[in-house]
Protein backbone atom coordinates (compact mmCIF):
# COMPACT_ATOMS: atom_id res chain seq x y z
CA UNK A 1 4.56 4.73 21.33
CA UNK A 2 8.06 5.58 22.55
CA UNK A 3 9.23 6.36 19.00
CA UNK A 4 6.39 8.86 18.60
CA UNK A 5 7.24 10.60 21.89
CA UNK A 6 10.90 10.79 20.96
CA UNK A 7 10.09 12.30 17.55
CA UNK A 8 7.66 14.82 19.04
CA UNK A 9 10.18 15.80 21.71
CA UNK A 10 12.87 16.24 19.06
CA UNK A 11 10.71 18.69 17.16
CA UNK A 12 9.97 20.68 20.34
CA UNK A 13 13.55 20.75 21.56
CA UNK A 14 14.92 21.71 18.14
CA UNK A 15 12.50 24.63 17.92
CA UNK A 16 13.41 25.92 21.40
CA UNK A 17 17.11 25.56 20.74
CA UNK A 18 16.81 27.38 17.45
CA UNK A 19 14.88 30.18 19.19
CA UNK A 20 17.74 30.55 21.63
CA UNK A 21 20.23 30.84 18.73
CA UNK A 22 22.19 27.77 19.85
CA UNK A 23 22.36 26.33 16.34
CA UNK A 24 23.07 27.92 12.96
CA UNK A 25 20.34 29.46 10.86
CA UNK A 26 18.46 27.28 8.37
CA UNK A 27 19.19 25.60 5.95
CA UNK A 28 20.74 22.52 7.51
CA UNK A 29 23.61 22.51 4.98
CA UNK A 30 24.57 25.19 2.47
CA UNK A 31 26.92 24.33 -0.41
CA UNK A 32 28.25 27.40 -2.14
CA UNK A 33 25.74 30.09 -3.02
CA UNK A 34 23.34 27.96 -5.05
CA UNK A 35 22.70 24.68 -3.20
CA UNK A 36 20.74 24.32 0.06
CA UNK A 37 19.86 21.13 1.94
CA UNK A 38 16.91 21.18 4.35
CA UNK A 39 15.65 18.73 6.95
CA UNK A 40 11.92 18.25 6.22
CA UNK A 41 9.91 16.33 8.82
CA UNK A 42 6.34 15.91 10.02
CA UNK A 43 4.24 14.02 12.53
CA UNK A 44 0.61 13.07 11.91
CA UNK A 45 -2.12 11.65 14.15
CA UNK A 46 -5.45 10.42 12.73
CA UNK A 47 -8.56 9.09 14.42
CA UNK A 48 -11.25 7.59 12.17
CA UNK A 49 -14.40 5.53 12.65
CA UNK A 50 -14.07 3.84 9.21
CA UNK A 51 -10.52 2.80 8.41
CA UNK A 52 -11.36 0.61 5.39
CA UNK A 53 -14.04 2.92 3.92
CA UNK A 54 -16.53 0.08 4.03
CA UNK A 55 -20.21 -0.38 4.83
CA UNK A 56 -19.16 -2.13 8.08
CA UNK A 57 -17.10 0.34 10.08
CA UNK A 58 -13.78 -0.34 11.78
CA UNK A 59 -12.43 2.45 13.97
CA UNK A 60 -8.68 3.10 14.23
CA UNK A 61 -6.09 5.51 15.55
CA UNK A 62 -2.85 5.76 13.60
CA UNK A 63 0.17 8.00 13.83
CA UNK A 64 2.95 8.67 11.36
CA UNK A 65 6.47 9.99 11.77
CA UNK A 66 7.94 11.26 8.49
CA UNK A 67 11.60 12.33 8.35
CA UNK A 68 12.82 13.68 5.03
CA UNK A 69 15.31 15.82 3.16
CA UNK A 70 14.83 18.57 0.58
CA UNK A 71 17.55 19.84 -1.75
CA UNK A 72 17.23 23.14 -3.62
CA UNK A 73 19.69 24.23 -6.29
CA UNK A 74 19.78 27.52 -8.22
CA UNK A 75 16.56 28.87 -6.72
CA UNK A 76 16.86 32.25 -8.46
CA UNK A 77 18.93 31.20 -11.48
CA UNK A 78 18.12 30.08 -15.01
CA UNK A 79 18.42 26.41 -14.06
CA UNK A 80 16.73 25.39 -10.81
CA UNK A 81 16.39 21.95 -9.24
CA UNK A 82 14.34 20.75 -6.27
CA UNK A 83 14.55 17.21 -4.91
CA UNK A 84 12.59 15.80 -1.96
CA UNK A 85 12.75 12.40 -0.30
CA UNK A 86 10.88 11.16 2.77
CA UNK A 87 9.72 7.97 4.45
CA UNK A 88 6.64 7.68 6.66
CA UNK A 89 6.65 5.16 9.51
CA UNK A 90 3.02 4.15 10.09
CA UNK A 91 1.88 2.87 13.49
CA UNK A 92 -1.50 1.87 14.96
CA UNK A 93 -2.44 2.11 18.63
CA UNK A 94 -4.62 -1.04 18.45
CA UNK A 95 -2.50 -4.19 18.53
CA UNK A 96 -5.12 -5.96 16.41
CA UNK A 97 -4.16 -3.63 13.53
CA UNK A 98 -0.40 -4.00 13.93
CA UNK A 99 -0.27 -6.02 10.71
CA UNK A 100 -1.11 -2.82 8.82
CA UNK A 101 1.98 -1.01 10.07
CA UNK A 102 4.38 -0.24 7.25
CA UNK A 103 6.79 2.28 5.71
CA UNK A 104 5.67 4.57 2.87
CA UNK A 105 8.15 6.36 0.63
CA UNK A 106 7.71 9.62 -1.25
CA UNK A 107 10.16 11.01 -3.83
CA UNK A 108 9.90 14.04 -6.11
CA UNK A 109 12.17 15.86 -8.53
CA UNK A 110 11.54 19.18 -10.25
CA UNK A 111 13.84 20.80 -12.83
CA UNK A 112 13.11 24.15 -14.49
CA UNK A 113 15.06 26.01 -17.16
CA UNK A 114 14.01 29.63 -17.74
CA UNK A 115 16.82 32.02 -18.70
CA UNK A 116 14.52 34.90 -19.62
CA UNK A 117 14.46 33.94 -23.29
CA UNK A 118 11.51 32.65 -25.30
CA UNK A 119 12.00 29.00 -24.25
CA UNK A 120 11.00 27.54 -20.89
CA UNK A 121 11.51 23.86 -20.02
CA UNK A 122 10.22 21.97 -16.98
CA UNK A 123 10.52 18.39 -15.81
CA UNK A 124 8.68 16.93 -12.81
CA UNK A 125 8.81 13.36 -11.58
CA UNK A 126 7.33 11.79 -8.44
CA UNK A 127 6.72 8.48 -6.70
CA UNK A 128 4.46 8.01 -3.71
CA UNK A 129 3.21 5.00 -1.75
CA UNK A 130 -0.35 5.12 -0.43
CA UNK A 131 -2.56 2.71 1.52
CA UNK A 132 -6.22 3.69 1.31
CA UNK A 133 -9.57 2.54 -0.04
CA UNK A 134 -11.82 5.60 -0.25
CA UNK A 135 -10.56 6.61 -3.70
CA UNK A 136 -11.34 3.10 -5.00
CA UNK A 137 -14.75 2.97 -3.34
CA UNK A 138 -15.64 6.27 -5.01
CA UNK A 139 -14.88 4.61 -8.35
CA UNK A 140 -17.45 1.92 -7.64
CA UNK A 141 -15.09 -0.83 -6.53
CA UNK A 142 -16.99 -3.42 -4.50
CA UNK A 143 -16.23 -3.10 -0.80
CA UNK A 144 -17.13 -6.73 -0.23
CA UNK A 145 -14.27 -7.80 -2.53
CA UNK A 146 -11.63 -5.53 -0.97
CA UNK A 147 -12.76 -6.71 2.46
CA UNK A 148 -11.20 -5.50 5.71
CA UNK A 149 -7.87 -4.65 4.11
CA UNK A 150 -6.06 -1.57 2.87
CA UNK A 151 -5.07 -1.48 -0.79
CA UNK A 152 -1.43 -0.41 -1.02
CA UNK A 153 -0.23 1.32 -4.19
CA UNK A 154 2.90 2.83 -5.66
CA UNK A 155 1.93 5.86 -7.77
CA UNK A 156 4.25 7.32 -10.42
CA UNK A 157 3.94 10.59 -12.37
CA UNK A 158 6.46 11.90 -14.92
CA UNK A 159 5.77 15.23 -16.60
CA UNK A 160 7.79 17.13 -19.21
CA UNK A 161 6.73 20.43 -20.77
CA UNK A 162 8.24 22.97 -23.17
CA UNK A 163 6.78 26.46 -23.68
CA UNK A 164 7.98 28.76 -26.43
CA UNK A 165 7.07 32.42 -26.76
CA UNK A 166 6.45 33.04 -30.46
CA UNK A 167 5.62 36.74 -29.99
CA UNK A 168 5.10 39.10 -27.06
CA UNK A 169 1.53 37.84 -26.76
CA UNK A 170 1.46 34.33 -28.26
CA UNK A 171 2.94 31.24 -26.56
CA UNK A 172 2.84 27.62 -27.69
CA UNK A 173 3.34 24.71 -25.27
CA UNK A 174 3.86 20.98 -25.73
CA UNK A 175 3.93 18.41 -22.96
CA UNK A 176 4.23 14.71 -22.22
CA UNK A 177 2.78 13.11 -19.05
CA UNK A 178 3.10 9.49 -18.00
CA UNK A 179 1.25 8.33 -14.89
CA UNK A 180 0.81 4.77 -13.67
CA UNK A 181 0.21 2.74 -10.53
CA UNK A 182 1.31 -0.60 -9.16
CA UNK A 183 -0.42 -2.57 -6.39
CA UNK A 184 2.02 -3.51 -3.66
CA UNK A 185 1.95 -6.38 -1.15
CA UNK A 186 -1.56 -7.69 -1.97
CA UNK A 187 -3.39 -9.27 0.97
CA UNK A 188 -4.88 -12.75 0.73
CA UNK A 189 -8.58 -13.02 1.61
CA UNK A 190 -9.99 -16.47 2.42
CA UNK A 191 -13.75 -16.95 2.14
CA UNK A 192 -15.72 -20.17 1.58
CA UNK A 193 -12.57 -22.15 0.94
CA UNK A 194 -11.55 -19.78 -1.87
CA UNK A 195 -8.46 -17.58 -1.60
CA UNK A 196 -8.11 -14.34 -3.54
CA UNK A 197 -6.03 -11.21 -3.29
CA UNK A 198 -7.69 -7.96 -2.23
CA UNK A 199 -6.61 -6.56 -5.62
CA UNK A 200 -8.52 -9.31 -7.47
CA UNK A 201 -11.10 -7.00 -9.16
CA UNK A 202 -8.67 -4.19 -9.93
CA UNK A 203 -6.64 -3.12 -12.95
CA UNK A 204 -3.39 -1.19 -13.03
CA UNK A 205 -3.55 1.87 -15.25
CA UNK A 206 -0.75 3.29 -17.39
CA UNK A 207 -1.77 6.64 -18.90
CA UNK A 208 0.24 8.66 -21.42
CA UNK A 209 -0.92 12.20 -22.26
CA UNK A 210 0.29 14.70 -24.86
CA UNK A 211 -1.18 18.21 -24.41
CA UNK A 212 -0.65 20.96 -27.03
CA UNK A 213 -1.66 24.50 -26.12
CA UNK A 214 -1.74 27.95 -27.68
CA UNK A 215 -2.11 30.93 -25.33
CA UNK A 216 -2.79 34.52 -26.37
CA UNK A 217 -2.18 37.29 -23.81
CA UNK A 218 -5.19 39.44 -24.69
CA UNK A 219 -4.81 41.71 -21.65
CA UNK A 220 -2.10 42.36 -19.09
CA UNK A 221 -3.44 39.74 -16.66
CA UNK A 222 -5.85 37.71 -18.79
CA UNK A 223 -5.09 35.21 -21.53
CA UNK A 224 -7.18 33.01 -23.83
CA UNK A 225 -6.12 29.83 -25.53
CA UNK A 226 -6.73 26.58 -27.36
CA UNK A 227 -5.89 23.12 -25.97
CA UNK A 228 -5.61 19.81 -27.80
CA UNK A 229 -4.78 16.69 -25.80
CA UNK A 230 -4.40 13.00 -26.66
CA UNK A 231 -4.57 10.40 -23.86
CA UNK A 232 -3.98 6.64 -24.03
CA UNK A 233 -4.59 4.41 -21.00
CA UNK A 234 -3.48 0.79 -21.03
CA UNK A 235 -5.10 -1.68 -18.61
CA UNK A 236 -3.21 -4.56 -17.02
CA UNK A 237 -4.40 -7.13 -14.51
CA UNK A 238 -3.56 -6.50 -10.88
CA UNK A 239 -1.97 -9.30 -8.78
CA UNK A 240 -4.45 -12.18 -8.66
CA UNK A 241 -4.76 -15.54 -6.91
CA UNK A 242 -7.66 -18.01 -6.81
CA UNK A 243 -7.64 -21.64 -5.68
CA UNK A 244 -10.78 -22.25 -7.76
CA UNK A 245 -9.70 -20.41 -10.90
CA UNK A 246 -5.89 -20.52 -11.31
CA UNK A 247 -5.89 -18.45 -14.51
CA UNK A 248 -7.28 -14.94 -14.35
CA UNK A 249 -10.06 -14.28 -16.90
CA UNK A 250 -9.07 -12.02 -19.78
CA UNK A 251 -9.71 -8.30 -19.33
CA UNK A 252 -12.71 -6.87 -21.18
CA UNK A 253 -10.62 -3.92 -22.42
CA UNK A 254 -6.94 -3.43 -23.18
CA UNK A 255 -6.85 0.35 -23.71
CA UNK A 256 -8.93 3.51 -23.59
CA UNK A 257 -8.11 6.37 -25.95
CA UNK A 258 -9.34 9.92 -25.41
CA UNK A 259 -8.94 13.16 -27.37
CA UNK A 260 -9.83 16.55 -25.91
CA UNK A 261 -10.29 19.81 -27.80
CA UNK A 262 -11.29 22.99 -26.02
CA UNK A 263 -10.77 26.65 -25.18
CA UNK A 264 -9.15 28.17 -22.11
CA UNK A 265 -9.18 31.42 -20.17
CA UNK A 266 -6.69 32.18 -17.38
CA UNK A 267 -6.07 35.14 -15.14
CA UNK A 268 -7.79 38.17 -13.68
CA UNK A 269 -11.48 38.25 -14.62
CA UNK A 270 -12.34 41.65 -13.13
CA UNK A 271 -10.57 44.99 -13.24
CA UNK A 272 -10.30 45.10 -9.45
CA UNK A 273 -8.30 41.86 -9.47
CA UNK A 274 -10.50 40.29 -6.80
CA UNK A 275 -11.92 37.62 -9.12
CA UNK A 276 -9.50 35.21 -10.78
CA UNK A 277 -10.12 32.08 -12.75
CA UNK A 278 -8.76 29.17 -14.76
CA UNK A 279 -11.33 27.88 -17.24
CA UNK A 280 -11.06 25.00 -19.70
CA UNK A 281 -14.08 23.81 -21.69
CA UNK A 282 -14.52 21.58 -24.73
CA UNK A 283 -15.31 18.02 -25.78
CA UNK A 284 -13.87 14.56 -25.20
CA UNK A 285 -13.89 11.93 -27.93
CA UNK A 286 -13.10 8.46 -26.56
CA UNK A 287 -13.21 4.77 -27.45
CA UNK A 288 -12.09 1.32 -26.28
CA UNK A 289 -9.66 -0.77 -28.32
CA UNK A 290 -10.23 1.10 -31.60
CA UNK A 291 -14.02 0.61 -31.48
CA UNK A 292 -16.54 3.29 -32.46
CA UNK A 293 -15.83 6.61 -30.70
CA UNK A 294 -18.24 8.57 -28.50
CA UNK A 295 -18.30 12.29 -27.72
CA UNK A 296 -19.06 14.01 -24.43
CA UNK A 297 -18.71 17.58 -23.03
CA UNK A 298 -15.78 18.22 -20.70
CA UNK A 299 -14.89 21.22 -18.59
CA UNK A 300 -12.83 22.40 -15.64
CA UNK A 301 -13.68 25.73 -14.02
CA UNK A 302 -11.80 27.15 -11.04
CA UNK A 303 -12.77 30.57 -9.65
CA UNK A 304 -11.35 32.41 -6.64
CA UNK A 305 -12.74 35.64 -5.18
CA UNK A 306 -11.40 37.94 -2.46
CA UNK A 307 -14.22 39.29 -0.29
CA UNK A 308 -12.15 41.19 2.28
CA UNK A 309 -8.52 41.36 3.35
CA UNK A 310 -9.12 38.32 5.56
CA UNK A 311 -11.92 36.44 3.83
CA UNK A 312 -11.84 34.70 0.44
CA UNK A 313 -13.74 31.89 -1.23
CA UNK A 314 -13.43 29.64 -4.26
CA UNK A 315 -15.58 27.50 -6.55
CA UNK A 316 -14.42 24.58 -8.69
CA UNK A 317 -16.54 22.66 -11.20
CA UNK A 318 -15.48 19.76 -13.37
CA UNK A 319 -16.73 17.16 -15.83
CA UNK A 320 -14.50 14.53 -17.40
CA UNK A 321 -14.08 10.93 -18.53
CA UNK A 322 -11.16 8.78 -17.41
CA UNK A 323 -10.15 5.14 -17.22
CA UNK A 324 -11.45 3.33 -14.13
CA UNK A 325 -9.46 0.88 -12.07
CA UNK A 326 -12.29 -1.65 -12.67
CA UNK A 327 -11.23 -2.02 -16.35
CA UNK A 328 -13.82 0.42 -17.63
CA UNK A 329 -14.51 4.13 -17.94
CA UNK A 330 -15.44 6.60 -15.23
CA UNK A 331 -17.60 9.64 -16.02
CA UNK A 332 -17.43 12.20 -13.23
CA UNK A 333 -19.09 15.48 -12.26
CA UNK A 334 -17.36 17.33 -9.42
CA UNK A 335 -18.25 20.45 -7.44
CA UNK A 336 -16.27 22.14 -4.68
CA UNK A 337 -16.87 25.30 -2.68
CA UNK A 338 -14.35 26.57 -0.15
CA UNK A 339 -14.03 29.48 2.27
CA UNK A 340 -10.75 30.64 3.82
CA UNK A 341 -10.46 33.09 6.72
CA UNK A 342 -7.20 34.60 7.98
CA UNK A 343 -8.09 34.85 11.66
CA UNK A 344 -4.65 36.23 12.49
CA UNK A 345 -1.32 36.79 10.78
CA UNK A 346 -0.27 33.22 11.59
CA UNK A 347 -3.66 31.46 11.84
CA UNK A 348 -5.87 30.39 8.91
CA UNK A 349 -9.29 28.72 9.09
CA UNK A 350 -10.93 26.97 6.16
CA UNK A 351 -14.13 25.17 5.27
CA UNK A 352 -14.88 23.20 2.09
CA UNK A 353 -17.86 21.28 0.75
CA UNK A 354 -17.34 18.87 -2.16
CA UNK A 355 -19.75 16.79 -4.21
CA UNK A 356 -18.93 14.19 -6.83
CA UNK A 357 -21.28 12.20 -9.06
CA UNK A 358 -19.48 9.27 -10.66
CA UNK A 359 -20.80 6.77 -13.16
CA UNK A 360 -18.62 3.72 -13.83
CA UNK A 361 -19.20 1.42 -16.81
CA UNK A 362 -17.24 -1.82 -16.38
CA UNK A 363 -17.77 -5.58 -16.60
CA UNK A 364 -21.13 -5.05 -18.35
CA UNK A 365 -22.36 -3.19 -15.25
CA UNK A 366 -23.22 0.46 -14.64
CA UNK A 367 -22.43 1.71 -11.13
CA UNK A 368 -23.19 5.19 -9.80
CA UNK A 369 -21.50 6.68 -6.73
CA UNK A 370 -22.59 10.04 -5.26
CA UNK A 371 -20.25 11.45 -2.62
CA UNK A 372 -20.42 14.43 -0.27
CA UNK A 373 -17.31 15.53 1.62
CA UNK A 374 -17.14 18.23 4.30
CA UNK A 375 -13.79 19.47 5.63
CA UNK A 376 -13.19 21.93 8.47
CA UNK A 377 -9.55 22.84 9.07
CA UNK A 378 -7.11 25.18 10.76
CA UNK A 379 -3.44 25.94 10.11
CA UNK A 380 -1.13 27.72 12.57
CA UNK A 381 2.35 28.93 11.65
CA UNK A 382 4.46 29.03 14.82
CA UNK A 383 7.53 30.39 13.03
CA UNK A 384 9.28 30.07 9.66
CA UNK A 385 10.26 26.48 10.49
CA UNK A 386 7.34 24.97 12.40
CA UNK A 387 3.61 24.84 11.62
CA UNK A 388 0.59 22.91 12.91
CA UNK A 389 -2.55 21.71 11.16
CA UNK A 390 -5.88 20.27 12.36
CA UNK A 391 -8.73 18.90 10.21
CA UNK A 392 -12.13 17.27 10.59
CA UNK A 393 -13.44 15.36 7.55
CA UNK A 394 -16.88 13.83 7.04
CA UNK A 395 -17.39 11.74 3.89
CA UNK A 396 -20.73 10.24 2.85
CA UNK A 397 -20.74 8.02 -0.27
CA UNK A 398 -23.94 6.52 -1.63
CA UNK A 399 -23.67 3.88 -4.36
CA UNK A 400 -25.99 1.78 -6.50
CA UNK A 401 -23.77 -1.07 -5.27
CA UNK A 402 -24.61 -1.43 -1.57
CA UNK A 403 -21.14 -2.74 -0.70
CA UNK A 404 -19.62 0.50 -2.04
CA UNK A 405 -21.79 2.70 0.19
CA UNK A 406 -20.03 4.13 3.24
CA UNK A 407 -19.56 7.17 5.46
CA UNK A 408 -16.68 8.14 7.69
CA UNK A 409 -15.65 10.70 10.30
CA UNK A 410 -11.95 11.49 10.50
CA UNK A 411 -10.09 13.90 12.78
CA UNK A 412 -6.38 14.61 12.26
CA UNK A 413 -3.66 16.82 13.72
CA UNK A 414 -0.16 17.26 12.33
CA UNK A 415 3.03 19.24 12.74
CA UNK A 416 5.47 20.13 9.95
CA UNK A 417 9.07 21.11 10.57
CA UNK A 418 11.57 22.47 8.02
CA UNK A 419 15.10 23.47 8.93
């Protein structure tokens, strides 16, 4: 607990000192006119009644201290670079959960080239360690197999995109995205004399995507377009151990291929500018391991509307098919409605309600998971360097697999500091 108090005190003292003008103005280090180095830090406290997202609840209180650095180069120039690196130190107040304490790294790099000409290039790359189960449970993973453990993952995303303006109104874009995960430090579960890892039923996914888009600027703030995208996901067995079955059974599927073709609309949907949207609708054509292909509708609709100067709301709808971590496919329908209220110049309140209907086909089984999530939050900006956040989250997941059914209440408060 002493480390947490020291970190919290450091944030408070630094803010007071800065207010008294005892230290130089941010950034922390400035190199020339183009390169700035910032100290990026946060503290986070979470109280939950269902740490493992399981049918049998385990309550926990955890707190994180996350020091980090952010480097910005050429912010307003043709070539700009942003690099961030941080490490979260995770602690639990209950000594019985001390074995879950760990360090979680996060790295990101963004490079953009836009010199005002017809060509724009962007490169984004990130790595992040997570330790959670709710995302897996919502994909139909059996809670009885994961057990009272947290599944730890390293998640990678690499994204490159080139956009070229053919005419004043027509732009063509080509991208390449590679995302994959790795399960880290699997936990051994012993039951009935049999030992398995908590990642036993899971697959690691390596997805490569190539989107091609054509956008036509029909109006000043509204464009229409065509999107073609080819995705390939390769499955590989997660870490596995069994004293009864030394060799892991072969995976049912090695790869899932998907092709999307659809139309898009982006920008201001009304003359007043109060209604904006990003719409993408078309069809997916997918198949396993070069078998017969199937076709299914796919769409992503995001609308935002300004009601008053202080009040706005948004609606997001989605339908898609993706590879599931259970070595199958996941068909999902998602809905989200959110309201944001600017209570004061430095205080924002928000409320969101989300619903997801997921159907997972894997291992000759069909599992459905219906999830409702309610989030009530507040964000307070103390000054340009320090802000505070508070959130309450209630998640209720109902599954055709009883061991994947769960609900949880989570309350969190955090502080973010950038200097």
